[in-house]
Amino acid sequence: AADAAARRRQLPVRAAAVIDAVEGTALEVLPRTMAWLQARPASFESIEAAAAWCLSSGMLQGTSRAAAETSVRARLRWDAAQKAWVWRGGVAGGP
């Protein structure tokens, strides 16, 4: 193929293959993900508290506290009735 490309000749395509390596990995971590969803708090008093939980639980890894606060803010919304930060949207298996 490199030789044909160097000579600017096109090779006929005889087959194509798609390899999905993500599905198996996703299935392997599914039990851990379900356990994490069931253990997560329903609400937080502050973004800082949410970021601290995300870091200590392993939801976010290898990131600074400031980066965690930025990331988690997008996943939460302020609930005025509860006066707390709650998770955006519903996730099956979680609060």
N, C-alpha and C. Protein backbone atom coordinates (compact mmCIF):
# COMPACT_ATOMS: atom_id res chain seq x y z
N ALA A 1 0.83 -1.19 0.00
CA ALA A 1 0.00 0.00 0.00
C ALA A 1 0.87 1.25 0.00
N ALA A 2 1.95 1.24 0.78
CA ALA A 2 2.84 2.40 0.81
C ALA A 2 3.50 2.61 -0.54
N ASP A 3 3.88 1.49 -1.19
CA ASP A 3 4.50 1.56 -2.52
C ASP A 3 3.50 2.13 -3.54
N ALA A 4 2.24 1.66 -3.47
CA ALA A 4 1.22 2.15 -4.39
C ALA A 4 0.93 3.62 -4.14
N ALA A 5 0.91 4.03 -2.90
CA ALA A 5 0.67 5.43 -2.57
C ALA A 5 1.80 6.30 -3.08
N ALA A 6 3.02 5.78 -2.98
CA ALA A 6 4.17 6.54 -3.46
C ALA A 6 4.09 6.72 -4.97
N ARG A 7 3.54 5.74 -5.68
CA ARG A 7 3.42 5.84 -7.14
C ARG A 7 2.07 6.42 -7.55
N ARG A 8 1.28 6.83 -6.58
CA ARG A 8 -0.04 7.45 -6.80
C ARG A 8 -1.02 6.52 -7.52
N ARG A 9 -0.92 5.23 -7.22
CA ARG A 9 -1.87 4.28 -7.79
C ARG A 9 -2.88 3.91 -6.71
N GLN A 10 -4.11 3.76 -7.12
CA GLN A 10 -5.14 3.36 -6.17
C GLN A 10 -5.26 1.85 -6.16
N LEU A 11 -5.35 1.30 -4.98
CA LEU A 11 -5.57 -0.13 -4.84
C LEU A 11 -7.07 -0.38 -4.71
N PRO A 12 -7.58 -1.44 -5.29
CA PRO A 12 -9.01 -1.73 -5.14
C PRO A 12 -9.30 -2.18 -3.71
N VAL A 13 -10.43 -1.74 -3.19
CA VAL A 13 -10.86 -2.16 -1.85
C VAL A 13 -11.62 -3.46 -2.00
N ARG A 14 -11.17 -4.49 -1.33
CA ARG A 14 -11.81 -5.80 -1.42
C ARG A 14 -12.59 -6.14 -0.16
N ALA A 15 -12.25 -5.48 0.94
CA ALA A 15 -12.96 -5.76 2.19
C ALA A 15 -12.74 -4.60 3.15
N ALA A 16 -13.65 -4.49 4.09
CA ALA A 16 -13.52 -3.49 5.15
C ALA A 16 -13.86 -4.18 6.46
N ALA A 17 -13.17 -3.82 7.48
CA ALA A 17 -13.43 -4.40 8.80
C ALA A 17 -13.56 -3.28 9.82
N VAL A 18 -14.51 -3.45 10.71
CA VAL A 18 -14.69 -2.50 11.80
C VAL A 18 -14.48 -3.27 13.09
N ILE A 19 -13.59 -2.78 13.91
CA ILE A 19 -13.28 -3.44 15.17
C ILE A 19 -13.81 -2.56 16.30
N ASP A 20 -14.70 -3.12 17.10
CA ASP A 20 -15.31 -2.39 18.21
C ASP A 20 -14.69 -2.89 19.51
N ALA A 21 -13.70 -2.15 19.98
CA ALA A 21 -13.01 -2.56 21.21
C ALA A 21 -13.65 -1.94 22.45
N VAL A 22 -14.58 -1.02 22.26
CA VAL A 22 -15.17 -0.33 23.40
C VAL A 22 -16.22 -1.17 24.10
N GLU A 23 -17.02 -1.90 23.35
CA GLU A 23 -18.13 -2.63 23.95
C GLU A 23 -17.68 -3.58 25.05
N GLY A 24 -16.66 -4.35 24.80
CA GLY A 24 -16.17 -5.29 25.81
C GLY A 24 -15.68 -4.58 27.04
N THR A 25 -14.97 -3.48 26.85
CA THR A 25 -14.48 -2.70 27.98
C THR A 25 -15.65 -2.13 28.76
N ALA A 26 -16.65 -1.62 28.06
CA ALA A 26 -17.82 -1.05 28.73
C ALA A 26 -18.55 -2.12 29.54
N LEU A 27 -18.68 -3.31 28.99
CA LEU A 27 -19.34 -4.39 29.71
C LEU A 27 -18.56 -4.80 30.95
N GLU A 28 -17.24 -4.75 30.89
CA GLU A 28 -16.41 -5.13 32.03
C GLU A 28 -16.62 -4.17 33.20
N VAL A 29 -16.80 -2.89 32.93
CA VAL A 29 -16.93 -1.91 34.02
C VAL A 29 -18.37 -1.64 34.42
N LEU A 30 -19.33 -2.26 33.74
CA LEU A 30 -20.73 -2.02 34.04
C LEU A 30 -21.09 -2.29 35.50
N PRO A 31 -20.68 -3.40 36.11
CA PRO A 31 -21.02 -3.60 37.53
C PRO A 31 -20.47 -2.49 38.43
N ARG A 32 -19.27 -2.03 38.16
CA ARG A 32 -18.68 -0.95 38.96
C ARG A 32 -19.45 0.35 38.75
N THR A 33 -19.88 0.59 37.51
CA THR A 33 -20.63 1.79 37.20
C THR A 33 -21.98 1.78 37.93
N MET A 34 -22.66 0.65 37.92
CA MET A 34 -23.95 0.55 38.61
C MET A 34 -23.77 0.76 40.12
N ALA A 35 -22.72 0.20 40.69
CA ALA A 35 -22.46 0.39 42.11
C ALA A 35 -22.19 1.86 42.42
N TRP A 36 -21.45 2.51 41.53
CA TRP A 36 -21.15 3.93 41.72
C TRP A 36 -22.44 4.75 41.65
N LEU A 37 -23.31 4.47 40.67
CA LEU A 37 -24.57 5.21 40.53
C LEU A 37 -25.45 5.05 41.77
N GLN A 38 -25.50 3.85 42.31
CA GLN A 38 -26.34 3.60 43.48
C GLN A 38 -25.77 4.21 44.75
N ALA A 39 -24.46 4.42 44.80
CA ALA A 39 -23.82 4.96 46.00
C ALA A 39 -23.69 6.48 45.99
N ARG A 40 -23.89 7.11 44.85
CA ARG A 40 -23.66 8.55 44.79
C ARG A 40 -24.71 9.32 45.57
N PRO A 41 -24.31 10.40 46.22
CA PRO A 41 -25.27 11.23 46.95
C PRO A 41 -26.27 11.86 45.98
N ALA A 42 -27.50 12.08 46.43
CA ALA A 42 -28.53 12.68 45.59
C ALA A 42 -28.31 14.18 45.42
N SER A 43 -27.65 14.80 46.41
CA SER A 43 -27.44 16.24 46.34
C SER A 43 -26.18 16.63 47.10
N PHE A 44 -25.76 17.87 46.86
CA PHE A 44 -24.57 18.41 47.51
C PHE A 44 -24.85 19.84 47.96
N GLU A 45 -24.23 20.23 49.05
CA GLU A 45 -24.40 21.60 49.55
C GLU A 45 -23.67 22.61 48.69
N SER A 46 -22.60 22.16 48.03
CA SER A 46 -21.79 23.09 47.23
C SER A 46 -21.12 22.34 46.09
N ILE A 47 -20.67 23.10 45.11
CA ILE A 47 -19.90 22.52 44.00
C ILE A 47 -18.60 21.93 44.55
N GLU A 48 -18.01 22.60 45.53
CA GLU A 48 -16.77 22.11 46.13
C GLU A 48 -16.97 20.73 46.77
N ALA A 49 -18.11 20.56 47.47
CA ALA A 49 -18.40 19.26 48.09
C ALA A 49 -18.63 18.19 47.03
N ALA A 50 -19.29 18.56 45.95
CA ALA A 50 -19.53 17.61 44.86
C ALA A 50 -18.21 17.20 44.22
N ALA A 51 -17.33 18.18 43.99
CA ALA A 51 -16.03 17.87 43.38
C ALA A 51 -15.21 16.97 44.31
N ALA A 52 -15.26 17.24 45.59
CA ALA A 52 -14.52 16.41 46.55
C ALA A 52 -15.03 14.97 46.51
N TRP A 53 -16.36 14.79 46.47
CA TRP A 53 -16.90 13.44 46.40
C TRP A 53 -16.50 12.76 45.10
N CYS A 54 -16.59 13.47 43.98
CA CYS A 54 -16.23 12.89 42.67
C CYS A 54 -14.78 12.42 42.65
N LEU A 55 -13.90 13.19 43.27
CA LEU A 55 -12.49 12.80 43.33
C LEU A 55 -12.28 11.61 44.27
N SER A 56 -12.92 11.64 45.45
CA SER A 56 -12.70 10.57 46.42
C SER A 56 -13.36 9.26 45.99
N SER A 57 -14.44 9.34 45.20
CA SER A 57 -15.13 8.13 44.77
C SER A 57 -14.49 7.49 43.54
N GLY A 58 -13.61 8.24 42.87
CA GLY A 58 -12.99 7.72 41.67
C GLY A 58 -13.76 8.07 40.40
N MET A 59 -14.86 8.82 40.54
CA MET A 59 -15.61 9.23 39.35
C MET A 59 -14.72 10.07 38.44
N LEU A 60 -13.95 10.96 39.04
CA LEU A 60 -12.97 11.76 38.30
C LEU A 60 -11.60 11.36 38.80
N GLN A 61 -10.69 11.15 37.87
CA GLN A 61 -9.34 10.72 38.24
C GLN A 61 -8.30 11.58 37.55
N GLY A 62 -7.17 11.73 38.21
CA GLY A 62 -6.03 12.41 37.60
C GLY A 62 -6.31 13.85 37.24
N THR A 63 -7.09 14.52 38.05
CA THR A 63 -7.41 15.91 37.77
C THR A 63 -7.24 16.75 39.02
N SER A 64 -7.06 18.03 38.84
CA SER A 64 -6.92 18.93 39.98
C SER A 64 -8.29 19.24 40.57
N ARG A 65 -8.30 19.78 41.75
CA ARG A 65 -9.55 20.16 42.41
C ARG A 65 -10.30 21.19 41.56
N ALA A 66 -9.58 22.17 41.00
CA ALA A 66 -10.21 23.20 40.17
C ALA A 66 -10.83 22.59 38.91
N ALA A 67 -10.12 21.66 38.28
CA ALA A 67 -10.66 21.00 37.09
C ALA A 67 -11.88 20.16 37.45
N ALA A 68 -11.84 19.51 38.61
CA ALA A 68 -12.98 18.71 39.06
C ALA A 68 -14.20 19.59 39.29
N GLU A 69 -14.00 20.76 39.87
CA GLU A 69 -15.12 21.68 40.10
C GLU A 69 -15.73 22.13 38.79
N THR A 70 -14.90 22.39 37.80
CA THR A 70 -15.40 22.80 36.48
C THR A 70 -16.17 21.67 35.84
N SER A 71 -15.64 20.45 35.90
CA SER A 71 -16.29 19.30 35.29
C SER A 71 -17.61 18.98 35.97
N VAL A 72 -17.62 18.97 37.28
CA VAL A 72 -18.83 18.56 38.01
C VAL A 72 -19.93 19.62 37.90
N ARG A 73 -19.57 20.88 37.76
CA ARG A 73 -20.58 21.94 37.63
C ARG A 73 -21.50 21.67 36.43
N ALA A 74 -20.96 21.14 35.36
CA ALA A 74 -21.76 20.85 34.17
C ALA A 74 -22.70 19.66 34.38
N ARG A 75 -22.42 18.85 35.37
CA ARG A 75 -23.23 17.65 35.63
C ARG A 75 -24.32 17.89 36.66
N LEU A 76 -24.30 19.07 37.29
CA LEU A 76 -25.25 19.37 38.36
C LEU A 76 -26.10 20.58 38.00
N ARG A 77 -27.21 20.73 38.70
CA ARG A 77 -28.04 21.93 38.58
C ARG A 77 -28.47 22.34 39.98
N TRP A 78 -28.74 23.63 40.17
CA TRP A 78 -29.18 24.12 41.47
C TRP A 78 -30.67 23.87 41.60
N ASP A 79 -31.08 23.23 42.69
CA ASP A 79 -32.49 22.99 42.97
C ASP A 79 -32.88 23.93 44.11
N ALA A 80 -33.64 24.97 43.78
CA ALA A 80 -34.00 26.00 44.77
C ALA A 80 -34.85 25.43 45.90
N ALA A 81 -35.72 24.47 45.58
CA ALA A 81 -36.58 23.87 46.61
C ALA A 81 -35.75 23.12 47.65
N GLN A 82 -34.75 22.40 47.19
CA GLN A 82 -33.88 21.63 48.11
C GLN A 82 -32.73 22.48 48.65
N LYS A 83 -32.51 23.61 48.01
CA LYS A 83 -31.36 24.46 48.32
C LYS A 83 -30.07 23.64 48.28
N ALA A 84 -29.95 22.93 47.16
CA ALA A 84 -28.79 22.04 46.99
C ALA A 84 -28.53 21.83 45.51
N TRP A 85 -27.31 21.38 45.22
CA TRP A 85 -26.94 21.00 43.86
C TRP A 85 -27.35 19.54 43.67
N VAL A 86 -28.08 19.26 42.58
CA VAL A 86 -28.53 17.90 42.28
C VAL A 86 -28.05 17.51 40.88
N TRP A 87 -28.03 16.23 40.61
CA TRP A 87 -27.57 15.73 39.31
C TRP A 87 -28.55 16.17 38.22
N ARG A 88 -28.01 16.56 37.06
CA ARG A 88 -28.86 16.89 35.90
C ARG A 88 -29.42 15.60 35.31
N GLY A 89 -30.67 15.64 34.88
CA GLY A 89 -31.25 14.51 34.18
C GLY A 89 -31.26 13.25 35.00
N GLY A 90 -32.02 12.31 34.54
CA GLY A 90 -32.10 11.03 35.24
C GLY A 90 -31.16 10.02 34.60
N VAL A 91 -30.59 9.20 35.43
CA VAL A 91 -29.75 8.10 34.97
C VAL A 91 -30.34 6.84 35.57
N ALA A 92 -30.70 5.88 34.74
CA ALA A 92 -31.28 4.64 35.24
C ALA A 92 -30.34 4.00 36.25
N GLY A 93 -30.91 3.61 37.37
CA GLY A 93 -30.12 2.96 38.41
C GLY A 93 -29.58 3.91 39.46
N GLY A 94 -29.75 5.19 39.24
CA GLY A 94 -29.25 6.17 40.20
C GLY A 94 -30.36 7.03 40.74
N PRO A 95 -30.06 7.86 41.74
CA PRO A 95 -31.08 8.74 42.34
C PRO A 95 -31.50 9.83 41.38
